[in-house]
Amino acid sequence: MLNEFKQKFSKMAKYNLTVNKKSYPVEVADDTPLLWVLRDSIGLLGTKFGCGMAQCGACTVHLDGTAVRSCVLPVSAVGNAEVTTIEGLSEKGDHPLQEAWCEVDVAQCGYCQAGQIMTAAAFLKDNPKPTEQEIVDTMSGNICRCGTYHRIREAIQVAASKTH
């Protein structure tokens, strides 16, 4: 029903998005959040819907390498930027953070994990040797309903130690 409403009252536009180094032509309402374009139009389901208000971090993706909340970013704002989702972080799931996540056994329910990893990946790219407080400060915007914050911090530290 929401999609029908948008089609009647929102301006539809064609976009050619670069997602995970592939080109995807889509036609959606210009105010459609990137999250729904990724999930519904392109079929990439790794990015999750959490709160819809950019508060929890489950929807985090990279836009030209910067972590952004895709639930509030309209597709019209993407422009020519490259979008990277959890599916595009590494071809074989062997990004240092993904390996550290498994090594430390971070995930419980797993729902927030893609957003946690995407936030941490952008952070480590800019700060490869973070302090524990820098990790805490950066990751404080991502919510884990299971409360695995200590393991998330540990996995980020493990990944940072292996990349340098």
N, C-alpha and C. Protein backbone atom coordinates (compact mmCIF):
# COMPACT_ATOMS: atom_id res chain seq x y z
N MET A 1 0.82 -1.19 0.00
CA MET A 1 0.00 0.00 0.00
C MET A 1 0.87 1.26 0.00
N LEU A 2 1.97 1.24 0.77
CA LEU A 2 2.87 2.39 0.81
C LEU A 2 3.48 2.63 -0.56
N ASN A 3 3.88 1.57 -1.24
CA ASN A 3 4.46 1.73 -2.57
C ASN A 3 3.45 2.31 -3.55
N GLU A 4 2.19 1.92 -3.45
CA GLU A 4 1.14 2.47 -4.31
C GLU A 4 0.97 3.96 -4.04
N PHE A 5 0.98 4.35 -2.78
CA PHE A 5 0.88 5.76 -2.40
C PHE A 5 2.05 6.55 -2.99
N LYS A 6 3.26 6.01 -2.83
CA LYS A 6 4.44 6.70 -3.35
C LYS A 6 4.36 6.86 -4.86
N GLN A 7 3.90 5.83 -5.54
CA GLN A 7 3.83 5.90 -6.99
C GLN A 7 2.83 6.97 -7.44
N LYS A 8 1.77 7.18 -6.69
CA LYS A 8 0.77 8.18 -7.05
C LYS A 8 1.21 9.59 -6.72
N PHE A 9 1.93 9.76 -5.60
CA PHE A 9 2.19 11.10 -5.11
C PHE A 9 3.66 11.51 -5.08
N SER A 10 4.57 10.61 -5.38
CA SER A 10 5.99 10.94 -5.42
C SER A 10 6.48 10.95 -6.85
N LYS A 11 7.48 11.74 -7.09
CA LYS A 11 8.07 11.81 -8.41
C LYS A 11 8.92 10.56 -8.64
N MET A 12 8.58 9.79 -9.67
CA MET A 12 9.37 8.61 -10.02
C MET A 12 10.55 9.06 -10.87
N ALA A 13 11.67 8.40 -10.67
CA ALA A 13 12.87 8.77 -11.41
C ALA A 13 13.69 7.51 -11.67
N LYS A 14 14.51 7.58 -12.69
CA LYS A 14 15.41 6.48 -13.02
C LYS A 14 16.80 6.83 -12.48
N TYR A 15 17.41 5.84 -11.87
CA TYR A 15 18.75 5.99 -11.32
C TYR A 15 19.60 4.83 -11.79
N ASN A 16 20.87 5.10 -11.95
CA ASN A 16 21.83 4.04 -12.25
C ASN A 16 22.81 4.03 -11.09
N LEU A 17 22.56 3.15 -10.14
CA LEU A 17 23.36 3.10 -8.92
C LEU A 17 24.53 2.15 -9.07
N THR A 18 25.66 2.53 -8.50
CA THR A 18 26.80 1.63 -8.42
C THR A 18 26.83 1.07 -7.01
N VAL A 19 26.54 -0.21 -6.91
CA VAL A 19 26.46 -0.88 -5.63
C VAL A 19 27.40 -2.09 -5.68
N ASN A 20 28.34 -2.13 -4.77
CA ASN A 20 29.30 -3.22 -4.70
C ASN A 20 30.01 -3.43 -6.04
N LYS A 21 30.35 -2.31 -6.67
CA LYS A 21 31.09 -2.26 -7.93
C LYS A 21 30.30 -2.76 -9.14
N LYS A 22 28.99 -2.91 -9.00
CA LYS A 22 28.13 -3.28 -10.12
C LYS A 22 27.11 -2.18 -10.35
N SER A 23 26.67 -2.06 -11.59
CA SER A 23 25.69 -1.04 -11.95
C SER A 23 24.28 -1.62 -11.89
N TYR A 24 23.38 -0.88 -11.28
CA TYR A 24 21.99 -1.30 -11.15
C TYR A 24 21.06 -0.18 -11.60
N PRO A 25 20.35 -0.37 -12.71
CA PRO A 25 19.34 0.61 -13.08
C PRO A 25 18.06 0.36 -12.26
N VAL A 26 17.54 1.41 -11.65
CA VAL A 26 16.31 1.29 -10.88
C VAL A 26 15.40 2.47 -11.20
N GLU A 27 14.12 2.24 -11.06
CA GLU A 27 13.14 3.32 -11.19
C GLU A 27 12.29 3.31 -9.94
N VAL A 28 12.47 4.36 -9.15
CA VAL A 28 11.79 4.46 -7.86
C VAL A 28 11.43 5.91 -7.60
N ALA A 29 10.60 6.13 -6.61
CA ALA A 29 10.29 7.50 -6.19
C ALA A 29 11.57 8.14 -5.68
N ASP A 30 11.77 9.41 -6.01
CA ASP A 30 13.02 10.08 -5.66
C ASP A 30 13.27 10.21 -4.17
N ASP A 31 12.24 10.07 -3.35
CA ASP A 31 12.41 10.15 -1.91
C ASP A 31 12.49 8.78 -1.23
N THR A 32 12.59 7.72 -2.03
CA THR A 32 12.71 6.37 -1.47
C THR A 32 14.04 6.24 -0.74
N PRO A 33 14.03 5.79 0.51
CA PRO A 33 15.29 5.59 1.22
C PRO A 33 16.15 4.54 0.50
N LEU A 34 17.46 4.79 0.50
CA LEU A 34 18.39 3.87 -0.14
C LEU A 34 18.21 2.44 0.38
N LEU A 35 17.93 2.29 1.65
CA LEU A 35 17.72 0.96 2.24
C LEU A 35 16.72 0.15 1.44
N TRP A 36 15.58 0.76 1.11
CA TRP A 36 14.52 0.02 0.41
C TRP A 36 14.88 -0.22 -1.04
N VAL A 37 15.67 0.65 -1.64
CA VAL A 37 16.15 0.40 -3.00
C VAL A 37 17.08 -0.80 -2.98
N LEU A 38 17.99 -0.84 -2.01
CA LEU A 38 18.91 -1.97 -1.90
C LEU A 38 18.17 -3.28 -1.69
N ARG A 39 17.21 -3.28 -0.79
CA ARG A 39 16.51 -4.51 -0.44
C ARG A 39 15.44 -4.89 -1.47
N ASP A 40 14.57 -3.95 -1.81
CA ASP A 40 13.40 -4.27 -2.64
C ASP A 40 13.67 -4.21 -4.13
N SER A 41 14.48 -3.28 -4.58
CA SER A 41 14.70 -3.12 -6.02
C SER A 41 15.90 -3.92 -6.51
N ILE A 42 16.94 -4.00 -5.69
CA ILE A 42 18.17 -4.68 -6.11
C ILE A 42 18.24 -6.10 -5.55
N GLY A 43 17.63 -6.34 -4.41
CA GLY A 43 17.60 -7.68 -3.84
C GLY A 43 18.76 -8.01 -2.91
N LEU A 44 19.44 -6.98 -2.41
CA LEU A 44 20.53 -7.19 -1.44
C LEU A 44 19.93 -7.09 -0.04
N LEU A 45 19.87 -8.20 0.66
CA LEU A 45 19.14 -8.26 1.92
C LEU A 45 20.01 -8.18 3.16
N GLY A 46 21.32 -8.01 3.00
CA GLY A 46 22.22 -7.95 4.15
C GLY A 46 22.03 -6.70 4.99
N THR A 47 21.66 -5.60 4.37
CA THR A 47 21.42 -4.35 5.07
C THR A 47 20.03 -4.44 5.69
N LYS A 48 19.94 -4.20 6.98
CA LYS A 48 18.69 -4.42 7.71
C LYS A 48 17.96 -3.12 8.06
N PHE A 49 16.66 -3.22 8.19
CA PHE A 49 15.83 -2.15 8.72
C PHE A 49 15.77 -2.33 10.22
N GLY A 50 16.08 -1.26 10.95
CA GLY A 50 16.01 -1.34 12.40
C GLY A 50 14.98 -0.38 12.94
N CYS A 51 15.30 0.90 12.89
CA CYS A 51 14.42 1.90 13.52
C CYS A 51 13.77 2.84 12.50
N GLY A 52 14.38 3.02 11.34
CA GLY A 52 13.85 3.93 10.34
C GLY A 52 14.12 5.40 10.64
N MET A 53 14.94 5.67 11.67
CA MET A 53 15.23 7.05 12.07
C MET A 53 16.73 7.32 12.19
N ALA A 54 17.56 6.46 11.65
CA ALA A 54 19.03 6.60 11.70
C ALA A 54 19.57 6.58 13.12
N GLN A 55 18.90 5.88 14.03
CA GLN A 55 19.32 5.85 15.42
C GLN A 55 20.01 4.55 15.82
N CYS A 56 19.75 3.44 15.13
CA CYS A 56 20.25 2.15 15.62
C CYS A 56 21.45 1.61 14.86
N GLY A 57 21.63 1.99 13.61
CA GLY A 57 22.79 1.57 12.84
C GLY A 57 22.64 0.28 12.05
N ALA A 58 21.52 -0.41 12.16
CA ALA A 58 21.36 -1.67 11.44
C ALA A 58 21.43 -1.49 9.92
N CYS A 59 21.12 -0.31 9.45
CA CYS A 59 21.05 -0.04 8.01
C CYS A 59 22.32 0.58 7.44
N THR A 60 23.42 0.56 8.20
CA THR A 60 24.64 1.24 7.78
C THR A 60 25.25 0.62 6.53
N VAL A 61 25.56 1.47 5.57
CA VAL A 61 26.29 1.11 4.35
C VAL A 61 27.37 2.16 4.16
N HIS A 62 28.22 1.96 3.16
CA HIS A 62 29.23 2.97 2.84
C HIS A 62 28.82 3.71 1.59
N LEU A 63 29.00 5.00 1.61
CA LEU A 63 28.79 5.87 0.46
C LEU A 63 30.15 6.51 0.19
N ASP A 64 30.79 6.07 -0.88
CA ASP A 64 32.17 6.47 -1.17
C ASP A 64 33.07 6.27 0.04
N GLY A 65 32.88 5.16 0.74
CA GLY A 65 33.73 4.80 1.87
C GLY A 65 33.33 5.36 3.21
N THR A 66 32.33 6.21 3.24
CA THR A 66 31.86 6.81 4.49
C THR A 66 30.63 6.07 4.97
N ALA A 67 30.60 5.73 6.25
CA ALA A 67 29.44 5.04 6.82
C ALA A 67 28.24 5.99 6.87
N VAL A 68 27.12 5.56 6.30
CA VAL A 68 25.88 6.34 6.31
C VAL A 68 24.72 5.43 6.68
N ARG A 69 23.67 6.05 7.17
CA ARG A 69 22.45 5.31 7.53
C ARG A 69 21.50 5.33 6.34
N SER A 70 21.33 4.19 5.73
CA SER A 70 20.57 4.11 4.49
C SER A 70 19.06 4.23 4.68
N CYS A 71 18.57 4.12 5.91
CA CYS A 71 17.13 4.20 6.14
C CYS A 71 16.59 5.61 5.98
N VAL A 72 17.46 6.62 6.07
CA VAL A 72 17.00 8.00 5.95
C VAL A 72 17.62 8.73 4.75
N LEU A 73 18.49 8.06 4.02
CA LEU A 73 19.15 8.68 2.88
C LEU A 73 18.31 8.45 1.63
N PRO A 74 17.71 9.51 1.07
CA PRO A 74 16.91 9.31 -0.14
C PRO A 74 17.81 8.92 -1.31
N VAL A 75 17.31 8.05 -2.13
CA VAL A 75 18.09 7.58 -3.28
C VAL A 75 18.52 8.75 -4.16
N SER A 76 17.74 9.80 -4.19
CA SER A 76 18.09 10.97 -5.00
C SER A 76 19.36 11.66 -4.51
N ALA A 77 19.78 11.40 -3.27
CA ALA A 77 20.98 12.03 -2.71
C ALA A 77 22.25 11.22 -3.00
N VAL A 78 22.11 10.03 -3.55
CA VAL A 78 23.27 9.17 -3.79
C VAL A 78 24.13 9.69 -4.93
N GLY A 79 23.49 10.19 -5.97
CA GLY A 79 24.23 10.73 -7.11
C GLY A 79 25.13 9.68 -7.74
N ASN A 80 26.37 10.04 -7.99
CA ASN A 80 27.34 9.12 -8.61
C ASN A 80 28.20 8.39 -7.59
N ALA A 81 27.86 8.51 -6.34
CA ALA A 81 28.66 7.87 -5.29
C ALA A 81 28.56 6.35 -5.38
N GLU A 82 29.62 5.69 -4.94
CA GLU A 82 29.61 4.23 -4.87
C GLU A 82 29.04 3.79 -3.54
N VAL A 83 28.12 2.85 -3.61
CA VAL A 83 27.51 2.28 -2.41
C VAL A 83 28.15 0.91 -2.17
N THR A 84 28.54 0.68 -0.92
CA THR A 84 29.04 -0.64 -0.55
C THR A 84 28.17 -1.15 0.58
N THR A 85 27.67 -2.36 0.40
CA THR A 85 26.86 -3.01 1.43
C THR A 85 27.71 -4.12 2.05
N ILE A 86 27.18 -4.79 3.05
CA ILE A 86 27.90 -5.88 3.69
C ILE A 86 28.26 -6.95 2.66
N GLU A 87 27.42 -7.14 1.66
CA GLU A 87 27.71 -8.15 0.63
C GLU A 87 28.93 -7.77 -0.20
N GLY A 88 29.24 -6.49 -0.27
CA GLY A 88 30.35 -6.03 -1.08
C GLY A 88 31.61 -5.69 -0.29
N LEU A 89 31.57 -5.89 1.01
CA LEU A 89 32.73 -5.56 1.84
C LEU A 89 33.94 -6.41 1.45
N SER A 90 33.71 -7.70 1.16
CA SER A 90 34.76 -8.58 0.66
C SER A 90 34.09 -9.68 -0.15
N GLU A 91 34.79 -10.14 -1.17
CA GLU A 91 34.21 -11.15 -2.06
C GLU A 91 33.96 -12.48 -1.36
N LYS A 92 34.86 -12.86 -0.46
CA LYS A 92 34.78 -14.18 0.15
C LYS A 92 34.42 -14.14 1.64
N GLY A 93 33.99 -12.97 2.12
CA GLY A 93 33.68 -12.85 3.54
C GLY A 93 34.94 -12.90 4.40
N ASP A 94 36.06 -12.47 3.80
CA ASP A 94 37.33 -12.55 4.53
C ASP A 94 37.90 -11.19 4.90
N HIS A 95 37.06 -10.19 4.97
CA HIS A 95 37.51 -8.90 5.48
C HIS A 95 38.00 -9.12 6.92
N PRO A 96 39.05 -8.43 7.34
CA PRO A 96 39.56 -8.63 8.71
C PRO A 96 38.49 -8.52 9.79
N LEU A 97 37.53 -7.64 9.61
CA LEU A 97 36.46 -7.53 10.61
C LEU A 97 35.54 -8.75 10.58
N GLN A 98 35.23 -9.24 9.40
CA GLN A 98 34.37 -10.43 9.32
C GLN A 98 35.06 -11.63 9.97
N GLU A 99 36.36 -11.75 9.73
CA GLU A 99 37.11 -12.85 10.35
C GLU A 99 37.17 -12.67 11.86
N ALA A 100 37.42 -11.44 12.32
CA ALA A 100 37.48 -11.17 13.76
C ALA A 100 36.12 -11.42 14.41
N TRP A 101 35.04 -11.08 13.71
CA TRP A 101 33.69 -11.31 14.25
C TRP A 101 33.49 -12.79 14.54
N CYS A 102 33.97 -13.63 13.63
CA CYS A 102 33.86 -15.09 13.84
C CYS A 102 34.81 -15.57 14.93
N GLU A 103 36.03 -15.07 14.91
CA GLU A 103 37.04 -15.47 15.89
C GLU A 103 36.57 -15.17 17.31
N VAL A 104 35.98 -14.00 17.51
CA VAL A 104 35.54 -13.57 18.83
C VAL A 104 34.14 -14.08 19.15
N ASP A 105 33.45 -14.60 18.14
CA ASP A 105 32.08 -15.11 18.30
C ASP A 105 31.14 -14.00 18.76
N VAL A 106 31.12 -12.91 17.99
CA VAL A 106 30.37 -11.72 18.36
C VAL A 106 28.86 -11.94 18.30
N ALA A 107 28.39 -12.45 17.20
CA ALA A 107 26.94 -12.45 16.93
C ALA A 107 26.17 -13.38 17.84
N GLN A 108 25.02 -12.91 18.29
CA GLN A 108 24.05 -13.77 18.94
C GLN A 108 22.87 -13.90 17.98
N CYS A 109 21.98 -12.92 17.97
CA CYS A 109 20.88 -13.01 17.00
C CYS A 109 21.38 -12.62 15.61
N GLY A 110 22.38 -11.75 15.56
CA GLY A 110 22.99 -11.36 14.29
C GLY A 110 22.33 -10.22 13.55
N TYR A 111 21.20 -9.75 14.02
CA TYR A 111 20.45 -8.76 13.26
C TYR A 111 21.22 -7.47 13.02
N CYS A 112 21.92 -6.99 14.00
CA CYS A 112 22.63 -5.70 13.89
C CYS A 112 24.01 -5.83 13.29
N GLN A 113 24.49 -7.04 13.09
CA GLN A 113 25.89 -7.26 12.80
C GLN A 113 26.38 -6.63 11.50
N ALA A 114 25.60 -6.64 10.44
CA ALA A 114 26.05 -6.01 9.19
C ALA A 114 26.30 -4.53 9.41
N GLY A 115 25.40 -3.86 10.10
CA GLY A 115 25.57 -2.44 10.37
C GLY A 115 26.75 -2.17 11.29
N GLN A 116 26.95 -3.05 12.27
CA GLN A 116 28.09 -2.91 13.17
C GLN A 116 29.40 -3.03 12.38
N ILE A 117 29.48 -4.04 11.54
CA ILE A 117 30.69 -4.28 10.75
C ILE A 117 30.94 -3.14 9.78
N MET A 118 29.90 -2.65 9.13
CA MET A 118 30.08 -1.56 8.16
C MET A 118 30.54 -0.27 8.86
N THR A 119 30.00 0.00 10.04
CA THR A 119 30.45 1.16 10.80
C THR A 119 31.91 0.99 11.20
N ALA A 120 32.25 -0.19 11.70
CA ALA A 120 33.63 -0.45 12.13
C ALA A 120 34.60 -0.42 10.95
N ALA A 121 34.20 -0.90 9.79
CA ALA A 121 35.10 -0.92 8.62
C ALA A 121 35.45 0.50 8.18
N ALA A 122 34.47 1.38 8.12
CA ALA A 122 34.74 2.77 7.75
C ALA A 122 35.62 3.43 8.81
N PHE A 123 35.37 3.12 10.07
CA PHE A 123 36.15 3.67 11.17
C PHE A 123 37.61 3.22 11.08
N LEU A 124 37.85 1.92 10.90
CA LEU A 124 39.22 1.40 10.85
C LEU A 124 39.98 1.88 9.61
N LYS A 125 39.25 2.15 8.54
CA LYS A 125 39.90 2.68 7.34
C LYS A 125 40.53 4.04 7.65
N ASP A 126 39.82 4.84 8.43
CA ASP A 126 40.31 6.17 8.79
C ASP A 126 41.19 6.18 10.04
N ASN A 127 41.04 5.17 10.88
CA ASN A 127 41.77 5.11 12.15
C ASN A 127 42.22 3.67 12.39
N PRO A 128 43.31 3.23 11.72
CA PRO A 128 43.71 1.83 11.77
C PRO A 128 44.24 1.35 13.13
N LYS A 129 44.60 2.26 14.01
CA LYS A 129 45.10 1.87 15.33
C LYS A 129 44.33 2.61 16.42
N PRO A 130 43.05 2.30 16.56
CA PRO A 130 42.23 3.06 17.52
C PRO A 130 42.48 2.65 18.96
N THR A 131 42.23 3.57 19.85
CA THR A 131 42.21 3.25 21.27
C THR A 131 40.87 2.61 21.60
N GLU A 132 40.79 2.00 22.75
CA GLU A 132 39.52 1.41 23.16
C GLU A 132 38.44 2.48 23.28
N GLN A 133 38.79 3.66 23.79
CA GLN A 133 37.81 4.74 23.94
C GLN A 133 37.32 5.22 22.57
N GLU A 134 38.21 5.30 21.59
CA GLU A 134 37.80 5.70 20.24
C GLU A 134 36.82 4.68 19.65
N ILE A 135 37.06 3.41 19.93
CA ILE A 135 36.13 2.36 19.47
C ILE A 135 34.78 2.55 20.14
N VAL A 136 34.79 2.72 21.44
CA VAL A 136 33.54 2.92 22.20
C VAL A 136 32.79 4.12 21.66
N ASP A 137 33.50 5.23 21.47
CA ASP A 137 32.85 6.46 21.00
C ASP A 137 32.24 6.27 19.61
N THR A 138 32.98 5.64 18.72
CA THR A 138 32.50 5.45 17.35
C THR A 138 31.32 4.50 17.30
N MET A 139 31.40 3.41 18.02
CA MET A 139 30.38 2.38 17.94
C MET A 139 29.17 2.66 18.82
N SER A 140 29.20 3.70 19.61
CA SER A 140 28.09 3.99 20.52
C SER A 140 26.79 4.32 19.78
N GLY A 141 26.87 4.66 18.51
CA GLY A 141 25.66 4.95 17.74
C GLY A 141 25.00 3.72 17.15
N ASN A 142 25.59 2.55 17.36
CA ASN A 142 25.02 1.30 16.86
C ASN A 142 24.47 0.50 18.03
N ILE A 143 23.23 0.08 17.91
CA ILE A 143 22.56 -0.65 18.98
C ILE A 143 22.62 -2.15 18.71
N CYS A 144 22.96 -2.89 19.75
CA CYS A 144 22.92 -4.36 19.71
C CYS A 144 21.90 -4.80 20.75
N ARG A 145 20.81 -5.35 20.29
CA ARG A 145 19.74 -5.75 21.22
C ARG A 145 20.19 -6.86 22.15
N CYS A 146 21.17 -7.65 21.72
CA CYS A 146 21.65 -8.76 22.54
C CYS A 146 22.72 -8.33 23.53
N GLY A 147 23.24 -7.12 23.38
CA GLY A 147 24.21 -6.59 24.33
C GLY A 147 25.62 -7.15 24.17
N THR A 148 26.03 -7.45 22.96
CA THR A 148 27.37 -8.01 22.75
C THR A 148 28.43 -6.93 22.56
N TYR A 149 28.25 -5.80 23.18
CA TYR A 149 29.16 -4.66 22.99
C TYR A 149 30.61 -5.00 23.33
N HIS A 150 30.83 -5.75 24.39
CA HIS A 150 32.21 -6.09 24.77
C HIS A 150 32.87 -6.94 23.68
N ARG A 151 32.12 -7.85 23.07
CA ARG A 151 32.70 -8.68 22.00
C ARG A 151 32.88 -7.88 20.72
N ILE A 152 31.99 -6.93 20.46
CA ILE A 152 32.15 -6.05 19.30
C ILE A 152 33.45 -5.27 19.44
N ARG A 153 33.67 -4.68 20.60
CA ARG A 153 34.92 -3.93 20.83
C ARG A 153 36.13 -4.84 20.67
N GLU A 154 36.05 -6.02 21.22
CA GLU A 154 37.17 -6.96 21.13
C GLU A 154 37.45 -7.34 19.68
N ALA A 155 36.41 -7.59 18.90
CA ALA A 155 36.60 -7.96 17.49
C ALA A 155 37.23 -6.82 16.70
N ILE A 156 36.83 -5.60 16.99
CA ILE A 156 37.44 -4.45 16.30
C ILE A 156 38.91 -4.35 16.66
N GLN A 157 39.24 -4.59 17.93
CA GLN A 157 40.64 -4.57 18.35
C GLN A 157 41.43 -5.69 17.66
N VAL A 158 40.85 -6.87 17.55
CA VAL A 158 41.50 -7.99 16.87
C VAL A 158 41.76 -7.65 15.42
N ALA A 159 40.73 -7.12 14.74
CA ALA A 159 40.88 -6.75 13.33
C ALA A 159 41.95 -5.68 13.15
N ALA A 160 41.97 -4.70 14.03
CA ALA A 160 42.96 -3.62 13.93
C ALA A 160 44.37 -4.17 14.13
N SER A 161 44.53 -5.11 15.02
CA SER A 161 45.86 -5.67 15.29
C SER A 161 46.36 -6.52 14.12
N LYS A 162 45.46 -7.07 13.34
CA LYS A 162 45.85 -7.93 12.22
C LYS A 162 46.11 -7.15 10.93
N THR A 163 45.63 -5.94 10.86
CA THR A 163 45.81 -5.16 9.62
C THR A 163 47.07 -4.32 9.65
N HIS A 164 47.70 -4.20 10.80
CA HIS A 164 48.93 -3.41 10.87
C HIS A 164 49.95 -4.04 11.76
